Amino acid sequence: MKLFKLTRKFRNEEDGAVTVDWVVLTAAVVGLGAAALTLIRTNTGTLSTNIANYIASATVNTDF
C-alpha cells in the first residue's frame, strides 16, 4: 500500500514539470536574444561605415 501511495504522490507532483517549463522558456528567450544581437551587430557595422563615409565626404561652409 505504501508503494501505491508513493506512486500516486509522485504522479501528482508538478514541481518538476514547472521547472522544465521555465527552463525551456528561458532557453527560448536567450535564443531569441542571441538571434536579435546577431542581426543588430551585423547591421550596425554597415550603418556605422555608411555614416563614416558620409561624414568624411561632408564639407563645412565657414562663410557667413
PDB file of N, CA and C in Angstrom:
ATOM      1  N   MET A   1       0.813  -1.202   0.000  1.00  0.00           N
ATOM      2  CA  MET A   1       0.000   0.000   0.000  1.00  0.00           C
ATOM      3  C   MET A   1       0.855   1.264   0.000  1.00  0.00           C
ATOM      4  N   LYS A   2       1.961   1.210   0.726  1.00  0.00           N
ATOM      5  CA  LYS A   2       2.804   2.388   0.791  1.00  0.00           C
ATOM      6  C   LYS A   2       3.397   2.711  -0.591  1.00  0.00           C
ATOM      7  N   LEU A   3       3.698   1.694  -1.373  1.00  0.00           N
ATOM      8  CA  LEU A   3       4.246   1.902  -2.709  1.00  0.00           C
ATOM      9  C   LEU A   3       3.231   2.608  -3.614  1.00  0.00           C
ATOM     10  N   PHE A   4       1.964   2.206  -3.521  1.00  0.00           N
ATOM     11  CA  PHE A   4       0.921   2.856  -4.315  1.00  0.00           C
ATOM     12  C   PHE A   4       0.736   4.312  -3.905  1.00  0.00           C
ATOM     13  N   LYS A   5       0.815   4.565  -2.614  1.00  0.00           N
ATOM     14  CA  LYS A   5       0.685   5.932  -2.118  1.00  0.00           C
ATOM     15  C   LYS A   5       1.849   6.791  -2.622  1.00  0.00           C
ATOM     16  N   LEU A   6       3.043   6.239  -2.590  1.00  0.00           N
ATOM     17  CA  LEU A   6       4.222   6.955  -3.080  1.00  0.00           C
ATOM     18  C   LEU A   6       4.124   7.196  -4.586  1.00  0.00           C
ATOM     19  N   THR A   7       3.641   6.210  -5.330  1.00  0.00           N
ATOM     20  CA  THR A   7       3.479   6.348  -6.773  1.00  0.00           C
ATOM     21  C   THR A   7       2.447   7.422  -7.097  1.00  0.00           C
ATOM     22  N   ARG A   8       1.345   7.450  -6.372  1.00  0.00           N
ATOM     23  CA  ARG A   8       0.304   8.444  -6.587  1.00  0.00           C
ATOM     24  C   ARG A   8       0.834   9.848  -6.285  1.00  0.00           C
ATOM     25  N   LYS A   9       1.620   9.965  -5.213  1.00  0.00           N
ATOM     26  CA  LYS A   9       2.189  11.265  -4.857  1.00  0.00           C
ATOM     27  C   LYS A   9       3.169  11.745  -5.937  1.00  0.00           C
ATOM     28  N   PHE A  10       3.981  10.824  -6.429  1.00  0.00           N
ATOM     29  CA  PHE A  10       4.940  11.171  -7.484  1.00  0.00           C
ATOM     30  C   PHE A  10       4.224  11.611  -8.748  1.00  0.00           C
ATOM     31  N   ARG A  11       3.137  10.936  -9.111  1.00  0.00           N
ATOM     32  CA  ARG A  11       2.379  11.262 -10.310  1.00  0.00           C
ATOM     33  C   ARG A  11       1.704  12.631 -10.186  1.00  0.00           C
ATOM     34  N   ASN A  12       1.249  12.973  -8.996  1.00  0.00           N
ATOM     35  CA  ASN A  12       0.550  14.235  -8.785  1.00  0.00           C
ATOM     36  C   ASN A  12       1.488  15.423  -8.567  1.00  0.00           C
ATOM     37  N   GLU A  13       2.743  15.149  -8.314  1.00  0.00           N
ATOM     38  CA  GLU A  13       3.719  16.216  -8.067  1.00  0.00           C
ATOM     39  C   GLU A  13       4.005  16.944  -9.381  1.00  0.00           C
ATOM     40  N   GLU A  14       3.897  18.268  -9.390  1.00  0.00           N
ATOM     41  CA  GLU A  14       4.088  19.044 -10.614  1.00  0.00           C
ATOM     42  C   GLU A  14       5.270  19.998 -10.538  1.00  0.00           C
ATOM     43  N   ASP A  15       6.020  20.007  -9.480  1.00  0.00           N
ATOM     44  CA  ASP A  15       7.151  20.929  -9.350  1.00  0.00           C
ATOM     45  C   ASP A  15       8.195  20.700 -10.428  1.00  0.00           C
ATOM     46  N   GLY A  16       8.493  19.462 -10.730  1.00  0.00           N
ATOM     47  CA  GLY A  16       9.485  19.164 -11.759  1.00  0.00           C
ATOM     48  C   GLY A  16       9.035  19.626 -13.128  1.00  0.00           C
ATOM     49  N   ALA A  17       7.761  19.457 -13.427  1.00  0.00           N
ATOM     50  CA  ALA A  17       7.240  19.863 -14.734  1.00  0.00           C
ATOM     51  C   ALA A  17       7.288  21.380 -14.885  1.00  0.00           C
ATOM     52  N   VAL A  18       6.996  22.089 -13.826  1.00  0.00           N
ATOM     53  CA  VAL A  18       7.048  23.554 -13.871  1.00  0.00           C
ATOM     54  C   VAL A  18       8.488  24.013 -14.086  1.00  0.00           C
ATOM     55  N   THR A  19       9.427  23.350 -13.456  1.00  0.00           N
ATOM     56  CA  THR A  19      10.837  23.690 -13.623  1.00  0.00           C
ATOM     57  C   THR A  19      11.274  23.480 -15.069  1.00  0.00           C
ATOM     58  N   VAL A  20      10.859  22.382 -15.652  1.00  0.00           N
ATOM     59  CA  VAL A  20      11.205  22.113 -17.045  1.00  0.00           C
ATOM     60  C   VAL A  20      10.590  23.175 -17.949  1.00  0.00           C
ATOM     61  N   ASP A  21       9.355  23.571 -17.679  1.00  0.00           N
ATOM     62  CA  ASP A  21       8.719  24.628 -18.477  1.00  0.00           C
ATOM     63  C   ASP A  21       9.520  25.922 -18.409  1.00  0.00           C
ATOM     64  N   TRP A  22       9.957  26.298 -17.214  1.00  0.00           N
ATOM     65  CA  TRP A  22      10.716  27.535 -17.067  1.00  0.00           C
ATOM     66  C   TRP A  22      12.074  27.442 -17.764  1.00  0.00           C
ATOM     67  N   VAL A  23      12.693  26.285 -17.716  1.00  0.00           N
ATOM     68  CA  VAL A  23      13.982  26.117 -18.395  1.00  0.00           C
ATOM     69  C   VAL A  23      13.803  26.260 -19.904  1.00  0.00           C
ATOM     70  N   VAL A  24      12.754  25.665 -20.437  1.00  0.00           N
ATOM     71  CA  VAL A  24      12.501  25.758 -21.879  1.00  0.00           C
ATOM     72  C   VAL A  24      12.188  27.198 -22.270  1.00  0.00           C
ATOM     73  N   LEU A  25      11.351  27.876 -21.492  1.00  0.00           N
ATOM     74  CA  LEU A  25      11.026  29.268 -21.799  1.00  0.00           C
ATOM     75  C   LEU A  25      12.262  30.167 -21.716  1.00  0.00           C
ATOM     76  N   THR A  26      13.083  29.956 -20.718  1.00  0.00           N
ATOM     77  CA  THR A  26      14.305  30.753 -20.571  1.00  0.00           C
ATOM     78  C   THR A  26      15.256  30.512 -21.737  1.00  0.00           C
ATOM     79  N   ALA A  27      15.379  29.257 -22.153  1.00  0.00           N
ATOM     80  CA  ALA A  27      16.242  28.942 -23.293  1.00  0.00           C
ATOM     81  C   ALA A  27      15.718  29.601 -24.566  1.00  0.00           C
ATOM     82  N   ALA A  28      14.411  29.642 -24.731  1.00  0.00           N
ATOM     83  CA  ALA A  28      13.830  30.285 -25.908  1.00  0.00           C
ATOM     84  C   ALA A  28      14.103  31.792 -25.901  1.00  0.00           C
ATOM     85  N   VAL A  29      13.967  32.417 -24.752  1.00  0.00           N
ATOM     86  CA  VAL A  29      14.230  33.863 -24.650  1.00  0.00           C
ATOM     87  C   VAL A  29      15.702  34.158 -24.923  1.00  0.00           C
ATOM     88  N   VAL A  30      16.583  33.344 -24.386  1.00  0.00           N
ATOM     89  CA  VAL A  30      18.019  33.543 -24.627  1.00  0.00           C
ATOM     90  C   VAL A  30      18.346  33.339 -26.103  1.00  0.00           C
ATOM     91  N   GLY A  31      17.734  32.340 -26.722  1.00  0.00           N
ATOM     92  CA  GLY A  31      17.958  32.094 -28.149  1.00  0.00           C
ATOM     93  C   GLY A  31      17.483  33.247 -29.009  1.00  0.00           C
ATOM     94  N   LEU A  32      16.306  33.779 -28.704  1.00  0.00           N
ATOM     95  CA  LEU A  32      15.798  34.928 -29.456  1.00  0.00           C
ATOM     96  C   LEU A  32      16.680  36.159 -29.244  1.00  0.00           C
ATOM     97  N   GLY A  33      17.165  36.334 -28.027  1.00  0.00           N
ATOM     98  CA  GLY A  33      18.061  37.453 -27.749  1.00  0.00           C
ATOM     99  C   GLY A  33      19.364  37.332 -28.528  1.00  0.00           C
ATOM    100  N   ALA A  34      19.895  36.127 -28.606  1.00  0.00           N
ATOM    101  CA  ALA A  34      21.135  35.908 -29.355  1.00  0.00           C
ATOM    102  C   ALA A  34      20.915  36.162 -30.846  1.00  0.00           C
ATOM    103  N   ALA A  35      19.776  35.733 -31.368  1.00  0.00           N
ATOM    104  CA  ALA A  35      19.478  35.969 -32.784  1.00  0.00           C
ATOM    105  C   ALA A  35      19.336  37.465 -33.060  1.00  0.00           C
ATOM    106  N   ALA A  36      18.651  38.173 -32.183  1.00  0.00           N
ATOM    107  CA  ALA A  36      18.494  39.615 -32.353  1.00  0.00           C
ATOM    108  C   ALA A  36      19.839  40.323 -32.261  1.00  0.00           C
ATOM    109  N   LEU A  37      20.677  39.891 -31.333  1.00  0.00           N
ATOM    110  CA  LEU A  37      22.003  40.502 -31.189  1.00  0.00           C
ATOM    111  C   LEU A  37      22.838  40.301 -32.445  1.00  0.00           C
ATOM    112  N   THR A  38      22.743  39.135 -33.042  1.00  0.00           N
ATOM    113  CA  THR A  38      23.497  38.873 -34.272  1.00  0.00           C
ATOM    114  C   THR A  38      23.034  39.784 -35.396  1.00  0.00           C
ATOM    115  N   LEU A  39      21.724  39.943 -35.534  1.00  0.00           N
ATOM    116  CA  LEU A  39      21.208  40.828 -36.588  1.00  0.00           C
ATOM    117  C   LEU A  39      21.612  42.277 -36.352  1.00  0.00           C
ATOM    118  N   ILE A  40      21.517  42.716 -35.123  1.00  0.00           N
ATOM    119  CA  ILE A  40      21.868  44.098 -34.800  1.00  0.00           C
ATOM    120  C   ILE A  40      23.362  44.333 -35.002  1.00  0.00           C
ATOM    121  N   ARG A  41      24.166  43.362 -34.606  1.00  0.00           N
ATOM    122  CA  ARG A  41      25.612  43.524 -34.714  1.00  0.00           C
ATOM    123  C   ARG A  41      26.046  43.668 -36.172  1.00  0.00           C
ATOM    124  N   THR A  42      25.531  42.841 -37.060  1.00  0.00           N
ATOM    125  CA  THR A  42      25.958  42.919 -38.461  1.00  0.00           C
ATOM    126  C   THR A  42      25.449  44.196 -39.119  1.00  0.00           C
ATOM    127  N   ASN A  43      24.224  44.574 -38.851  1.00  0.00           N
ATOM    128  CA  ASN A  43      23.684  45.787 -39.472  1.00  0.00           C
ATOM    129  C   ASN A  43      24.277  47.055 -38.876  1.00  0.00           C
ATOM    130  N   THR A  44      24.696  47.027 -37.640  1.00  0.00           N
ATOM    131  CA  THR A  44      25.309  48.191 -37.028  1.00  0.00           C
ATOM    132  C   THR A  44      26.661  48.495 -37.671  1.00  0.00           C
ATOM    133  N   GLY A  45      27.401  47.459 -38.001  1.00  0.00           N
ATOM    134  CA  GLY A  45      28.684  47.663 -38.682  1.00  0.00           C
ATOM    135  C   GLY A  45      28.511  48.338 -40.021  1.00  0.00           C
ATOM    136  N   THR A  46      27.539  47.897 -40.781  1.00  0.00           N
ATOM    137  CA  THR A  46      27.259  48.504 -42.080  1.00  0.00           C
ATOM    138  C   THR A  46      26.795  49.946 -41.919  1.00  0.00           C
ATOM    139  N   LEU A  47      25.930  50.178 -40.973  1.00  0.00           N
ATOM    140  CA  LEU A  47      25.421  51.533 -40.749  1.00  0.00           C
ATOM    141  C   LEU A  47      26.538  52.475 -40.313  1.00  0.00           C
ATOM    142  N   SER A  48      27.411  52.039 -39.428  1.00  0.00           N
ATOM    143  CA  SER A  48      28.498  52.920 -38.975  1.00  0.00           C
ATOM    144  C   SER A  48      29.467  53.221 -40.112  1.00  0.00           C
ATOM    145  N   THR A  49      29.675  52.271 -40.998  1.00  0.00           N
ATOM    146  CA  THR A  49      30.521  52.531 -42.169  1.00  0.00           C
ATOM    147  C   THR A  49      29.881  53.577 -43.077  1.00  0.00           C
ATOM    148  N   ASN A  50      28.575  53.460 -43.288  1.00  0.00           N
ATOM    149  CA  ASN A  50      27.874  54.444 -44.127  1.00  0.00           C
ATOM    150  C   ASN A  50      27.915  55.837 -43.505  1.00  0.00           C
ATOM    151  N   ILE A  51      27.752  55.919 -42.206  1.00  0.00           N
ATOM    152  CA  ILE A  51      27.802  57.213 -41.518  1.00  0.00           C
ATOM    153  C   ILE A  51      29.203  57.813 -41.606  1.00  0.00           C
ATOM    154  N   ALA A  52      30.225  56.980 -41.422  1.00  0.00           N
ATOM    155  CA  ALA A  52      31.608  57.464 -41.502  1.00  0.00           C
ATOM    156  C   ALA A  52      31.920  57.978 -42.899  1.00  0.00           C
ATOM    157  N   ASN A  53      31.453  57.288 -43.923  1.00  0.00           N
ATOM    158  CA  ASN A  53      31.686  57.747 -45.299  1.00  0.00           C
ATOM    159  C   ASN A  53      30.971  59.067 -45.577  1.00  0.00           C
ATOM    160  N   TYR A  54      29.763  59.213 -45.067  1.00  0.00           N
ATOM    161  CA  TYR A  54      29.003  60.449 -45.267  1.00  0.00           C
ATOM    162  C   TYR A  54      29.688  61.627 -44.568  1.00  0.00           C
ATOM    163  N   ILE A  55      30.136  61.399 -43.341  1.00  0.00           N
ATOM    164  CA  ILE A  55      30.808  62.470 -42.598  1.00  0.00           C
ATOM    165  C   ILE A  55      32.131  62.834 -43.254  1.00  0.00           C
ATOM    166  N   ALA A  56      32.855  61.847 -43.772  1.00  0.00           N
ATOM    167  CA  ALA A  56      34.134  62.120 -44.412  1.00  0.00           C
ATOM    168  C   ALA A  56      33.944  62.928 -45.696  1.00  0.00           C
ATOM    169  N   SER A  57      32.847  62.721 -46.393  1.00  0.00           N
ATOM    170  CA  SER A  57      32.634  63.445 -47.649  1.00  0.00           C
ATOM    171  C   SER A  57      31.931  64.778 -47.458  1.00  0.00           C
ATOM    172  N   ALA A  58      31.491  65.081 -46.254  1.00  0.00           N
ATOM    173  CA  ALA A  58      30.786  66.330 -45.999  1.00  0.00           C
ATOM    174  C   ALA A  58      31.774  67.495 -45.942  1.00  0.00           C
ATOM    175  N   THR A  59      31.303  68.633 -46.380  1.00  0.00           N
ATOM    176  CA  THR A  59      32.124  69.847 -46.303  1.00  0.00           C
ATOM    177  C   THR A  59      31.443  70.827 -45.383  1.00  0.00           C
ATOM    178  N   VAL A  60      32.257  71.591 -44.703  1.00  0.00           N
ATOM    179  CA  VAL A  60      31.744  72.592 -43.778  1.00  0.00           C
ATOM    180  C   VAL A  60      31.958  73.963 -44.397  1.00  0.00           C
ATOM    181  N   ASN A  61      30.878  74.713 -44.529  1.00  0.00           N
ATOM    182  CA  ASN A  61      30.953  76.054 -45.094  1.00  0.00           C
ATOM    183  C   ASN A  61      31.148  77.039 -43.930  1.00  0.00           C
ATOM    184  N   THR A  62      32.268  77.752 -43.951  1.00  0.00           N
ATOM    185  CA  THR A  62      32.579  78.680 -42.875  1.00  0.00           C
ATOM    186  C   THR A  62      32.241  80.130 -43.235  1.00  0.00           C
ATOM    187  N   ASP A  63      31.748  80.380 -44.446  1.00  0.00           N
ATOM    188  CA  ASP A  63      31.388  81.742 -44.861  1.00  0.00           C
ATOM    189  C   ASP A  63      29.984  82.079 -44.368  1.00  0.00           C
ATOM    190  N   PHE A  64      29.857  83.272 -43.875  1.00  0.00           N
ATOM    191  CA  PHE A  64      28.544  83.721 -43.419  1.00  0.00           C
ATOM    192  C   PHE A  64      27.993  84.754 -44.331  1.00  0.00           C
TER     193      PHE A  64
END
